[in-house]
Amino acid sequence: MKEAGECVNDVCGAVMDGVRKIDEFCYAMLPKDVAHAMADLNKAVLNQFRSFIDWKIRWNDDRVEGGDRMREEWREKCQREADATPTPGV
């Protein structure tokens, strides 16, 4: 008896095989130079998405780092103000 995970993997594999065949059929209908040009365009667009995602990840990392610096500055400022405030009754 197959486990559920194996069945899901079998279904996913079958679906991916079907999608692969449909893609191959679409490219096979086109003249060779057009098919290669379309594939190059597709790769260029996907590379731009990848570049944007990499940029966005770096942007998020930089903003978190800036937030950490700002938080530390606030903490230091609050500590200085607390140290400078005279204690009543002393």
PDB file of N, CA and C in Angstrom:
ATOM      1  N   MET A   1       0.839  -1.180   0.000  1.00  0.00           N
ATOM      2  CA  MET A   1       0.000   0.000   0.000  1.00  0.00           C
ATOM      3  C   MET A   1       0.888   1.249   0.000  1.00  0.00           C
ATOM      4  N   LYS A   2       0.619   2.146  -0.919  1.00  0.00           N
ATOM      5  CA  LYS A   2       1.405   3.375  -1.015  1.00  0.00           C
ATOM      6  C   LYS A   2       0.953   4.357   0.056  1.00  0.00           C
ATOM      7  N   GLU A   3       1.924   5.143   0.517  1.00  0.00           N
ATOM      8  CA  GLU A   3       1.584   6.186   1.475  1.00  0.00           C
ATOM      9  C   GLU A   3       1.028   7.391   0.725  1.00  0.00           C
ATOM     10  N   ALA A   4       0.355   8.272   1.455  1.00  0.00           N
ATOM     11  CA  ALA A   4      -0.280   9.442   0.841  1.00  0.00           C
ATOM     12  C   ALA A   4       0.753  10.324   0.149  1.00  0.00           C
ATOM     13  N   GLY A   5       1.925  10.491   0.756  1.00  0.00           N
ATOM     14  CA  GLY A   5       2.963  11.329   0.160  1.00  0.00           C
ATOM     15  C   GLY A   5       3.434  10.799  -1.177  1.00  0.00           C
ATOM     16  N   GLU A   6       3.532   9.484  -1.286  1.00  0.00           N
ATOM     17  CA  GLU A   6       3.945   8.877  -2.551  1.00  0.00           C
ATOM     18  C   GLU A   6       2.884   9.107  -3.623  1.00  0.00           C
ATOM     19  N   CYS A   7       1.608   9.005  -3.245  1.00  0.00           N
ATOM     20  CA  CYS A   7       0.522   9.240  -4.200  1.00  0.00           C
ATOM     21  C   CYS A   7       0.543  10.682  -4.698  1.00  0.00           C
ATOM     22  N   VAL A   8       0.759  11.615  -3.781  1.00  0.00           N
ATOM     23  CA  VAL A   8       0.830  13.034  -4.164  1.00  0.00           C
ATOM     24  C   VAL A   8       1.998  13.250  -5.114  1.00  0.00           C
ATOM     25  N   ASN A   9       3.156  12.631  -4.811  1.00  0.00           N
ATOM     26  CA  ASN A   9       4.312  12.765  -5.693  1.00  0.00           C
ATOM     27  C   ASN A   9       4.024  12.190  -7.070  1.00  0.00           C
ATOM     28  N   ASP A  10       3.316  11.073  -7.126  1.00  0.00           N
ATOM     29  CA  ASP A  10       2.954  10.469  -8.411  1.00  0.00           C
ATOM     30  C   ASP A  10       2.048  11.402  -9.212  1.00  0.00           C
ATOM     31  N   VAL A  11       1.065  12.003  -8.550  1.00  0.00           N
ATOM     32  CA  VAL A  11       0.139  12.919  -9.219  1.00  0.00           C
ATOM     33  C   VAL A  11       0.889  14.157  -9.701  1.00  0.00           C
ATOM     34  N   CYS A  12       1.750  14.715  -8.848  1.00  0.00           N
ATOM     35  CA  CYS A  12       2.525  15.897  -9.233  1.00  0.00           C
ATOM     36  C   CYS A  12       3.422  15.580 -10.429  1.00  0.00           C
ATOM     37  N   GLY A  13       4.044  14.425 -10.404  1.00  0.00           N
ATOM     38  CA  GLY A  13       4.895  14.018 -11.522  1.00  0.00           C
ATOM     39  C   GLY A  13       4.102  13.890 -12.812  1.00  0.00           C
ATOM     40  N   ALA A  14       2.917  13.316 -12.723  1.00  0.00           N
ATOM     41  CA  ALA A  14       2.071  13.158 -13.909  1.00  0.00           C
ATOM     42  C   ALA A  14       1.631  14.520 -14.448  1.00  0.00           C
ATOM     43  N   VAL A  15       1.254  15.429 -13.552  1.00  0.00           N
ATOM     44  CA  VAL A  15       0.839  16.767 -13.975  1.00  0.00           C
ATOM     45  C   VAL A  15       2.011  17.492 -14.634  1.00  0.00           C
ATOM     46  N   MET A  16       3.184  17.416 -14.021  1.00  0.00           N
ATOM     47  CA  MET A  16       4.363  18.081 -14.589  1.00  0.00           C
ATOM     48  C   MET A  16       4.726  17.486 -15.944  1.00  0.00           C
ATOM     49  N   ASP A  17       4.599  16.187 -16.099  1.00  0.00           N
ATOM     50  CA  ASP A  17       4.847  15.565 -17.400  1.00  0.00           C
ATOM     51  C   ASP A  17       3.873  16.097 -18.451  1.00  0.00           C
ATOM     52  N   GLY A  18       2.611  16.252 -18.074  1.00  0.00           N
ATOM     53  CA  GLY A  18       1.612  16.797 -18.990  1.00  0.00           C
ATOM     54  C   GLY A  18       1.927  18.230 -19.383  1.00  0.00           C
ATOM     55  N   VAL A  19       2.296  19.047 -18.407  1.00  0.00           N
ATOM     56  CA  VAL A  19       2.651  20.444 -18.677  1.00  0.00           C
ATOM     57  C   VAL A  19       3.886  20.500 -19.578  1.00  0.00           C
ATOM     58  N   ARG A  20       4.855  19.648 -19.317  1.00  0.00           N
ATOM     59  CA  ARG A  20       6.074  19.604 -20.127  1.00  0.00           C
ATOM     60  C   ARG A  20       5.737  19.267 -21.583  1.00  0.00           C
ATOM     61  N   LYS A  21       4.867  18.295 -21.785  1.00  0.00           N
ATOM     62  CA  LYS A  21       4.470  17.905 -23.147  1.00  0.00           C
ATOM     63  C   LYS A  21       3.717  19.034 -23.845  1.00  0.00           C
ATOM     64  N   ILE A  22       2.843  19.731 -23.126  1.00  0.00           N
ATOM     65  CA  ILE A  22       2.112  20.858 -23.718  1.00  0.00           C
ATOM     66  C   ILE A  22       3.094  21.941 -24.147  1.00  0.00           C
ATOM     67  N   ASP A  23       4.076  22.268 -23.290  1.00  0.00           N
ATOM     68  CA  ASP A  23       5.092  23.267 -23.639  1.00  0.00           C
ATOM     69  C   ASP A  23       5.881  22.832 -24.868  1.00  0.00           C
ATOM     70  N   GLU A  24       6.280  21.565 -24.896  1.00  0.00           N
ATOM     71  CA  GLU A  24       7.039  21.066 -26.041  1.00  0.00           C
ATOM     72  C   GLU A  24       6.198  21.142 -27.317  1.00  0.00           C
ATOM     73  N   PHE A  25       4.915  20.828 -27.206  1.00  0.00           N
ATOM     74  CA  PHE A  25       4.018  20.910 -28.359  1.00  0.00           C
ATOM     75  C   PHE A  25       3.925  22.346 -28.865  1.00  0.00           C
ATOM     76  N   CYS A  26       3.791  23.301 -27.932  1.00  0.00           N
ATOM     77  CA  CYS A  26       3.698  24.720 -28.311  1.00  0.00           C
ATOM     78  C   CYS A  26       4.957  25.176 -29.043  1.00  0.00           C
ATOM     79  N   TYR A  27       6.110  24.798 -28.540  1.00  0.00           N
ATOM     80  CA  TYR A  27       7.363  25.186 -29.201  1.00  0.00           C
ATOM     81  C   TYR A  27       7.549  24.436 -30.517  1.00  0.00           C
ATOM     82  N   ALA A  28       7.074  23.207 -30.617  1.00  0.00           N
ATOM     83  CA  ALA A  28       7.225  22.419 -31.839  1.00  0.00           C
ATOM     84  C   ALA A  28       6.397  22.989 -32.987  1.00  0.00           C
ATOM     85  N   MET A  29       5.295  23.669 -32.673  1.00  0.00           N
ATOM     86  CA  MET A  29       4.450  24.249 -33.714  1.00  0.00           C
ATOM     87  C   MET A  29       5.114  25.445 -34.383  1.00  0.00           C
ATOM     88  N   LEU A  30       6.057  26.072 -33.700  1.00  0.00           N
ATOM     89  CA  LEU A  30       6.698  27.283 -34.214  1.00  0.00           C
ATOM     90  C   LEU A  30       7.922  26.935 -35.054  1.00  0.00           C
ATOM     91  N   PRO A  31       8.296  27.828 -35.962  1.00  0.00           N
ATOM     92  CA  PRO A  31       9.574  27.638 -36.641  1.00  0.00           C
ATOM     93  C   PRO A  31      10.708  27.667 -35.609  1.00  0.00           C
ATOM     94  N   LYS A  32      11.785  26.967 -35.900  1.00  0.00           N
ATOM     95  CA  LYS A  32      12.865  26.792 -34.935  1.00  0.00           C
ATOM     96  C   LYS A  32      13.414  28.129 -34.424  1.00  0.00           C
ATOM     97  N   ASP A  33      13.670  29.077 -35.319  1.00  0.00           N
ATOM     98  CA  ASP A  33      14.242  30.354 -34.881  1.00  0.00           C
ATOM     99  C   ASP A  33      13.264  31.139 -34.011  1.00  0.00           C
ATOM    100  N   VAL A  34      11.969  31.074 -34.319  1.00  0.00           N
ATOM    101  CA  VAL A  34      10.956  31.762 -33.512  1.00  0.00           C
ATOM    102  C   VAL A  34      10.854  31.102 -32.132  1.00  0.00           C
ATOM    103  N   ALA A  35      10.880  29.783 -32.094  1.00  0.00           N
ATOM    104  CA  ALA A  35      10.801  29.064 -30.824  1.00  0.00           C
ATOM    105  C   ALA A  35      11.982  29.436 -29.925  1.00  0.00           C
ATOM    106  N   HIS A  36      13.178  29.491 -30.519  1.00  0.00           N
ATOM    107  CA  HIS A  36      14.361  29.845 -29.725  1.00  0.00           C
ATOM    108  C   HIS A  36      14.301  31.302 -29.272  1.00  0.00           C
ATOM    109  N   ALA A  37      13.804  32.183 -30.129  1.00  0.00           N
ATOM    110  CA  ALA A  37      13.668  33.592 -29.754  1.00  0.00           C
ATOM    111  C   ALA A  37      12.656  33.750 -28.617  1.00  0.00           C
ATOM    112  N   MET A  38      11.552  33.026 -28.696  1.00  0.00           N
ATOM    113  CA  MET A  38      10.556  33.095 -27.616  1.00  0.00           C
ATOM    114  C   MET A  38      11.125  32.554 -26.304  1.00  0.00           C
ATOM    115  N   ALA A  39      11.882  31.472 -26.395  1.00  0.00           N
ATOM    116  CA  ALA A  39      12.497  30.913 -25.184  1.00  0.00           C
ATOM    117  C   ALA A  39      13.484  31.905 -24.585  1.00  0.00           C
ATOM    118  N   ASP A  40      14.262  32.581 -25.437  1.00  0.00           N
ATOM    119  CA  ASP A  40      15.203  33.588 -24.945  1.00  0.00           C
ATOM    120  C   ASP A  40      14.471  34.748 -24.282  1.00  0.00           C
ATOM    121  N   LEU A  41      13.360  35.178 -24.888  1.00  0.00           N
ATOM    122  CA  LEU A  41      12.559  36.249 -24.289  1.00  0.00           C
ATOM    123  C   LEU A  41      12.009  35.811 -22.933  1.00  0.00           C
ATOM    124  N   ASN A  42      11.498  34.594 -22.866  1.00  0.00           N
ATOM    125  CA  ASN A  42      10.964  34.056 -21.617  1.00  0.00           C
ATOM    126  C   ASN A  42      12.045  34.039 -20.537  1.00  0.00           C
ATOM    127  N   LYS A  43      13.243  33.583 -20.898  1.00  0.00           N
ATOM    128  CA  LYS A  43      14.343  33.549 -19.928  1.00  0.00           C
ATOM    129  C   LYS A  43      14.734  34.948 -19.489  1.00  0.00           C
ATOM    130  N   ALA A  44      14.728  35.911 -20.419  1.00  0.00           N
ATOM    131  CA  ALA A  44      15.074  37.290 -20.065  1.00  0.00           C
ATOM    132  C   ALA A  44      14.063  37.872 -19.077  1.00  0.00           C
ATOM    133  N   VAL A  45      12.783  37.606 -19.328  1.00  0.00           N
ATOM    134  CA  VAL A  45      11.743  38.103 -18.418  1.00  0.00           C
ATOM    135  C   VAL A  45      11.896  37.458 -17.040  1.00  0.00           C
ATOM    136  N   LEU A  46      12.120  36.158 -17.007  1.00  0.00           N
ATOM    137  CA  LEU A  46      12.284  35.467 -15.725  1.00  0.00           C
ATOM    138  C   LEU A  46      13.530  35.960 -14.988  1.00  0.00           C
ATOM    139  N   ASN A  47      14.607  36.257 -15.731  1.00  0.00           N
ATOM    140  CA  ASN A  47      15.807  36.810 -15.094  1.00  0.00           C
ATOM    141  C   ASN A  47      15.529  38.175 -14.482  1.00  0.00           C
ATOM    142  N   GLN A  48      14.668  38.983 -15.134  1.00  0.00           N
ATOM    143  CA  GLN A  48      14.309  40.275 -14.559  1.00  0.00           C
ATOM    144  C   GLN A  48      13.496  40.103 -13.282  1.00  0.00           C
ATOM    145  N   PHE A  49      12.605  39.122 -13.271  1.00  0.00           N
ATOM    146  CA  PHE A  49      11.873  38.821 -12.036  1.00  0.00           C
ATOM    147  C   PHE A  49      12.852  38.421 -10.936  1.00  0.00           C
ATOM    148  N   ARG A  50      13.807  37.566 -11.267  1.00  0.00           N
ATOM    149  CA  ARG A  50      14.799  37.120 -10.296  1.00  0.00           C
ATOM    150  C   ARG A  50      15.609  38.307  -9.771  1.00  0.00           C
ATOM    151  N   SER A  51      15.997  39.210 -10.682  1.00  0.00           N
ATOM    152  CA  SER A  51      16.752  40.393 -10.266  1.00  0.00           C
ATOM    153  C   SER A  51      15.927  41.259  -9.320  1.00  0.00           C
ATOM    154  N   PHE A  52      14.647  41.432  -9.640  1.00  0.00           N
ATOM    155  CA  PHE A  52      13.781  42.216  -8.775  1.00  0.00           C
ATOM    156  C   PHE A  52      13.639  41.565  -7.408  1.00  0.00           C
ATOM    157  N   ILE A  53      13.446  40.268  -7.381  1.00  0.00           N
ATOM    158  CA  ILE A  53      13.290  39.558  -6.111  1.00  0.00           C
ATOM    159  C   ILE A  53      14.570  39.666  -5.286  1.00  0.00           C
ATOM    160  N   ASP A  54      15.733  39.495  -5.923  1.00  0.00           N
ATOM    161  CA  ASP A  54      17.000  39.649  -5.202  1.00  0.00           C
ATOM    162  C   ASP A  54      17.142  41.063  -4.651  1.00  0.00           C
ATOM    163  N   TRP A  55      16.767  42.078  -5.467  1.00  0.00           N
ATOM    164  CA  TRP A  55      16.831  43.459  -5.014  1.00  0.00           C
ATOM    165  C   TRP A  55      15.895  43.670  -3.827  1.00  0.00           C
ATOM    166  N   LYS A  56      14.685  43.129  -3.896  1.00  0.00           N
ATOM    167  CA  LYS A  56      13.713  43.296  -2.813  1.00  0.00           C
ATOM    168  C   LYS A  56      14.197  42.629  -1.533  1.00  0.00           C
ATOM    169  N   ILE A  57      14.850  41.485  -1.650  1.00  0.00           N
ATOM    170  CA  ILE A  57      15.394  40.809  -0.466  1.00  0.00           C
ATOM    171  C   ILE A  57      16.472  41.678   0.167  1.00  0.00           C
ATOM    172  N   ARG A  58      17.379  42.209  -0.664  1.00  0.00           N
ATOM    173  CA  ARG A  58      18.424  43.102  -0.128  1.00  0.00           C
ATOM    174  C   ARG A  58      17.794  44.337   0.514  1.00  0.00           C
ATOM    175  N   TRP A  59      16.759  44.912  -0.133  1.00  0.00           N
ATOM    176  CA  TRP A  59      16.062  46.082   0.384  1.00  0.00           C
ATOM    177  C   TRP A  59      15.498  45.771   1.777  1.00  0.00           C
ATOM    178  N   ASN A  60      14.826  44.626   1.924  1.00  0.00           N
ATOM    179  CA  ASN A  60      14.263  44.246   3.219  1.00  0.00           C
ATOM    180  C   ASN A  60      15.353  44.081   4.266  1.00  0.00           C
ATOM    181  N   ASP A  61      16.454  43.427   3.912  1.00  0.00           N
ATOM    182  CA  ASP A  61      17.556  43.244   4.856  1.00  0.00           C
ATOM    183  C   ASP A  61      18.109  44.595   5.305  1.00  0.00           C
ATOM    184  N   ASP A  62      18.267  45.522   4.354  1.00  0.00           N
ATOM    185  CA  ASP A  62      18.786  46.853   4.699  1.00  0.00           C
ATOM    186  C   ASP A  62      17.822  47.611   5.595  1.00  0.00           C
ATOM    187  N   ARG A  63      16.517  47.494   5.348  1.00  0.00           N
ATOM    188  CA  ARG A  63      15.541  48.209   6.177  1.00  0.00           C
ATOM    189  C   ARG A  63      15.515  47.639   7.596  1.00  0.00           C
ATOM    190  N   VAL A  64      15.621  46.324   7.725  1.00  0.00           N
ATOM    191  CA  VAL A  64      15.649  45.711   9.057  1.00  0.00           C
ATOM    192  C   VAL A  64      16.906  46.161   9.795  1.00  0.00           C
ATOM    193  N   GLU A  65      18.030  46.196   9.092  1.00  0.00           N
ATOM    194  CA  GLU A  65      19.281  46.653   9.696  1.00  0.00           C
ATOM    195  C   GLU A  65      19.158  48.113  10.145  1.00  0.00           C
ATOM    196  N   GLY A  66      18.534  48.955   9.306  1.00  0.00           N
ATOM    197  CA  GLY A  66      18.302  50.350   9.677  1.00  0.00           C
ATOM    198  C   GLY A  66      17.371  50.455  10.878  1.00  0.00           C
ATOM    199  N   GLY A  67      16.368  49.622  10.929  1.00  0.00           N
ATOM    200  CA  GLY A  67      15.456  49.609  12.080  1.00  0.00           C
ATOM    201  C   GLY A  67      16.180  49.212  13.359  1.00  0.00           C
ATOM    202  N   ASP A  68      17.097  48.251  13.255  1.00  0.00           N
ATOM    203  CA  ASP A  68      17.885  47.855  14.426  1.00  0.00           C
ATOM    204  C   ASP A  68      18.731  49.023  14.922  1.00  0.00           C
ATOM    205  N   ARG A  69      19.363  49.755  13.985  1.00  0.00           N
ATOM    206  CA  ARG A  69      20.171  50.921  14.378  1.00  0.00           C
ATOM    207  C   ARG A  69      19.301  51.977  15.044  1.00  0.00           C
ATOM    208  N   MET A  70      18.133  52.241  14.450  1.00  0.00           N
ATOM    209  CA  MET A  70      17.237  53.255  14.997  1.00  0.00           C
ATOM    210  C   MET A  70      16.767  52.865  16.394  1.00  0.00           C
ATOM    211  N   ARG A  71      16.415  51.604  16.582  1.00  0.00           N
ATOM    212  CA  ARG A  71      15.975  51.117  17.883  1.00  0.00           C
ATOM    213  C   ARG A  71      17.071  51.306  18.928  1.00  0.00           C
ATOM    214  N   GLU A  72      18.309  51.010  18.553  1.00  0.00           N
ATOM    215  CA  GLU A  72      19.435  51.169  19.473  1.00  0.00           C
ATOM    216  C   GLU A  72      19.660  52.645  19.808  1.00  0.00           C
ATOM    217  N   GLU A  73      19.521  53.520  18.805  1.00  0.00           N
ATOM    218  CA  GLU A  73      19.645  54.963  19.062  1.00  0.00           C
ATOM    219  C   GLU A  73      18.567  55.427  20.035  1.00  0.00           C
ATOM    220  N   TRP A  74      17.337  54.961  19.833  1.00  0.00           N
ATOM    221  CA  TRP A  74      16.252  55.331  20.739  1.00  0.00           C
ATOM    222  C   TRP A  74      16.540  54.838  22.154  1.00  0.00           C
ATOM    223  N   ARG A  75      17.025  53.610  22.257  1.00  0.00           N
ATOM    224  CA  ARG A  75      17.336  53.041  23.567  1.00  0.00           C
ATOM    225  C   ARG A  75      18.412  53.875  24.272  1.00  0.00           C
ATOM    226  N   GLU A  76      19.458  54.250  23.529  1.00  0.00           N
ATOM    227  CA  GLU A  76      20.521  55.066  24.111  1.00  0.00           C
ATOM    228  C   GLU A  76      19.997  56.437  24.519  1.00  0.00           C
ATOM    229  N   LYS A  77      19.149  57.061  23.682  1.00  0.00           N
ATOM    230  CA  LYS A  77      18.588  58.370  24.003  1.00  0.00           C
ATOM    231  C   LYS A  77      17.721  58.290  25.255  1.00  0.00           C
ATOM    232  N   CYS A  78      16.887  57.268  25.344  1.00  0.00           N
ATOM    233  CA  CYS A  78      16.036  57.103  26.531  1.00  0.00           C
ATOM    234  C   CYS A  78      16.896  56.903  27.781  1.00  0.00           C
ATOM    235  N   GLN A  79      17.965  56.136  27.643  1.00  0.00           N
ATOM    236  CA  GLN A  79      18.857  55.896  28.783  1.00  0.00           C
ATOM    237  C   GLN A  79      19.535  57.196  29.211  1.00  0.00           C
ATOM    238  N   ARG A  80      19.995  58.003  28.241  1.00  0.00           N
ATOM    239  CA  ARG A  80      20.628  59.304  28.576  1.00  0.00           C
ATOM    240  C   ARG A  80      19.625  60.212  29.275  1.00  0.00           C
ATOM    241  N   GLU A  81      18.399  60.255  28.755  1.00  0.00           N
ATOM    242  CA  GLU A  81      17.371  61.109  29.377  1.00  0.00           C
ATOM    243  C   GLU A  81      17.030  60.631  30.769  1.00  0.00           C
ATOM    244  N   ALA A  82      16.975  59.312  30.958  1.00  0.00           N
ATOM    245  CA  ALA A  82      16.676  58.767  32.284  1.00  0.00           C
ATOM    246  C   ALA A  82      17.818  59.070  33.243  1.00  0.00           C
ATOM    247  N   ASP A  83      19.044  59.019  32.779  1.00  0.00           N
ATOM    248  CA  ASP A  83      20.194  59.313  33.643  1.00  0.00           C
ATOM    249  C   ASP A  83      20.251  60.796  33.966  1.00  0.00           C
ATOM    250  N   ALA A  84      19.798  61.671  33.053  1.00  0.00           N
ATOM    251  CA  ALA A  84      19.858  63.122  33.247  1.00  0.00           C
ATOM    252  C   ALA A  84      18.685  63.639  34.099  1.00  0.00           C
ATOM    253  N   THR A  85      17.625  62.886  34.240  1.00  0.00           N
ATOM    254  CA  THR A  85      16.467  63.318  35.014  1.00  0.00           C
ATOM    255  C   THR A  85      16.766  63.165  36.493  1.00  0.00           C
ATOM    256  N   PRO A  86      16.647  64.282  37.237  1.00  0.00           N
ATOM    257  CA  PRO A  86      16.921  64.182  38.693  1.00  0.00           C
ATOM    258  C   PRO A  86      15.854  63.348  39.394  1.00  0.00           C
ATOM    259  N   THR A  87      16.277  62.601  40.381  1.00  0.00           N
ATOM    260  CA  THR A  87      15.378  61.765  41.155  1.00  0.00           C
ATOM    261  C   THR A  87      14.719  62.633  42.217  1.00  0.00           C
ATOM    262  N   PRO A  88      13.371  62.668  42.301  1.00  0.00           N
ATOM    263  CA  PRO A  88      12.693  63.487  43.300  1.00  0.00           C
ATOM    264  C   PRO A  88      12.987  62.993  44.729  1.00  0.00           C
ATOM    265  N   GLY A  89      13.179  63.940  45.611  1.00  0.00           N
ATOM    266  CA  GLY A  89      13.389  63.609  47.012  1.00  0.00           C
ATOM    267  C   GLY A  89      14.822  63.243  47.350  1.00  0.00           C
ATOM    268  N   VAL A  90      15.739  63.405  46.431  1.00  0.00           N
ATOM    269  CA  VAL A  90      17.131  63.059  46.737  1.00  0.00           C
ATOM    270  C   VAL A  90      17.933  64.295  46.926  1.00  0.00           C
TER     271      VAL A  90
END
